[in-house]
Amino acid sequence: MAVFGGTLGFQIMFLLGIVNILSMLAVFFSCRCLVGHKFVQAMMQKNWYRKFYSWHCMFWWIFFASVLAHTLLAFSVFGWPF
């Protein structure tokens, strides 16, 4: 185990996994493709959802950064398996 071997590496990977899931859900629920659905049409009437919807591109950046960090940390903790 390299740099982050041990408890700290596992804890950070776990937290990054949670960030991955939450940001993936945020990307999905702010997706432009959902606008035609009745659920989203009703939600677009709410100010908080319009603000949430406007952050769609930021959710992608968070998701990509989190997945990249999670992957690099996993390689650091577990090594390259091949």
Protein backbone atom coordinates (compact mmCIF):
# COMPACT_ATOMS: atom_id res chain seq x y z
CA MET A 1 0.00 0.00 0.00
CA ALA A 2 1.40 3.31 -1.05
CA VAL A 3 0.79 6.88 0.10
CA PHE A 4 -2.69 6.58 1.60
CA GLY A 5 -2.49 2.98 2.77
CA GLY A 6 -4.41 2.47 5.97
CA THR A 7 -7.50 3.84 7.61
CA LEU A 8 -7.24 7.39 6.24
CA GLY A 9 -7.14 6.16 2.64
CA PHE A 10 -10.20 3.97 3.17
CA GLN A 11 -12.10 6.79 4.88
CA ILE A 12 -11.35 9.26 2.09
CA MET A 13 -12.32 6.68 -0.56
CA PHE A 14 -15.57 6.00 1.28
CA LEU A 15 -16.40 9.72 1.43
CA LEU A 16 -15.52 10.18 -2.24
CA GLY A 17 -17.81 7.26 -3.06
CA ILE A 18 -20.67 9.05 -1.28
CA VAL A 19 -19.83 12.27 -3.18
CA ASN A 20 -19.89 10.21 -6.41
CA ILE A 21 -23.38 8.91 -5.67
CA LEU A 22 -24.77 12.28 -4.57
CA SER A 23 -23.29 14.17 -7.51
CA MET A 24 -24.52 11.48 -9.92
CA LEU A 25 -28.04 11.92 -8.52
CA ALA A 26 -27.71 15.71 -8.78
CA VAL A 27 -26.65 15.39 -12.43
CA PHE A 28 -29.57 13.09 -13.15
CA PHE A 29 -32.24 15.21 -11.44
CA SER A 30 -30.99 18.41 -13.06
CA CYS A 31 -30.75 16.77 -16.49
CA ARG A 32 -32.04 18.79 -19.43
CA CYS A 33 -33.52 15.60 -20.92
CA LEU A 34 -36.10 15.35 -18.12
CA VAL A 35 -37.77 18.70 -18.84
CA GLY A 36 -40.63 17.17 -20.85
CA HIS A 37 -41.75 14.90 -18.02
CA LYS A 38 -44.69 15.91 -15.84
CA PHE A 39 -42.69 15.59 -12.62
CA VAL A 40 -40.09 18.09 -13.83
CA GLN A 41 -42.72 20.43 -15.27
CA ALA A 42 -44.32 20.57 -11.82
CA MET A 43 -40.95 21.04 -10.13
CA MET A 44 -39.99 23.89 -12.49
CA GLN A 45 -42.68 25.94 -10.76
CA LYS A 46 -40.55 25.90 -7.60
CA ASN A 47 -37.80 28.52 -7.25
CA TRP A 48 -35.44 26.15 -5.43
CA TYR A 49 -35.64 23.59 -8.25
CA ARG A 50 -34.95 26.21 -10.93
CA LYS A 51 -31.84 27.24 -8.97
CA PHE A 52 -30.86 23.57 -8.56
CA TYR A 53 -31.47 23.02 -12.29
CA SER A 54 -29.24 25.97 -13.19
CA TRP A 55 -26.28 24.29 -11.43
CA HIS A 56 -26.34 21.25 -13.75
CA CYS A 57 -22.94 21.94 -15.32
CA MET A 58 -21.32 22.44 -11.90
CA PHE A 59 -22.68 19.06 -10.79
CA TRP A 60 -20.84 17.46 -13.73
CA TRP A 61 -17.54 19.05 -12.68
CA ILE A 62 -18.00 17.85 -9.10
CA PHE A 63 -18.86 14.36 -10.35
CA PHE A 64 -15.82 14.14 -12.67
CA ALA A 65 -13.42 15.47 -10.01
CA SER A 66 -14.80 13.10 -7.40
CA VAL A 67 -14.58 10.04 -9.68
CA LEU A 68 -11.02 10.96 -10.70
CA ALA A 69 -9.90 11.47 -7.09
CA HIS A 70 -11.65 8.24 -6.01
CA THR A 71 -9.93 6.29 -8.79
CA LEU A 72 -6.46 7.71 -8.15
CA LEU A 73 -6.79 7.09 -4.43
CA ALA A 74 -7.93 3.50 -5.06
CA PHE A 75 -4.82 2.92 -7.18
CA SER A 76 -2.71 4.47 -4.44
CA VAL A 77 -4.24 2.31 -1.69
CA PHE A 78 -4.67 -0.98 -3.54
CA GLY A 79 -2.03 -0.67 -6.27
CA TRP A 80 -2.29 -1.59 -9.94
CA PRO A 81 -3.79 -5.10 -10.20
CA PHE A 82 -2.13 -6.10 -13.50
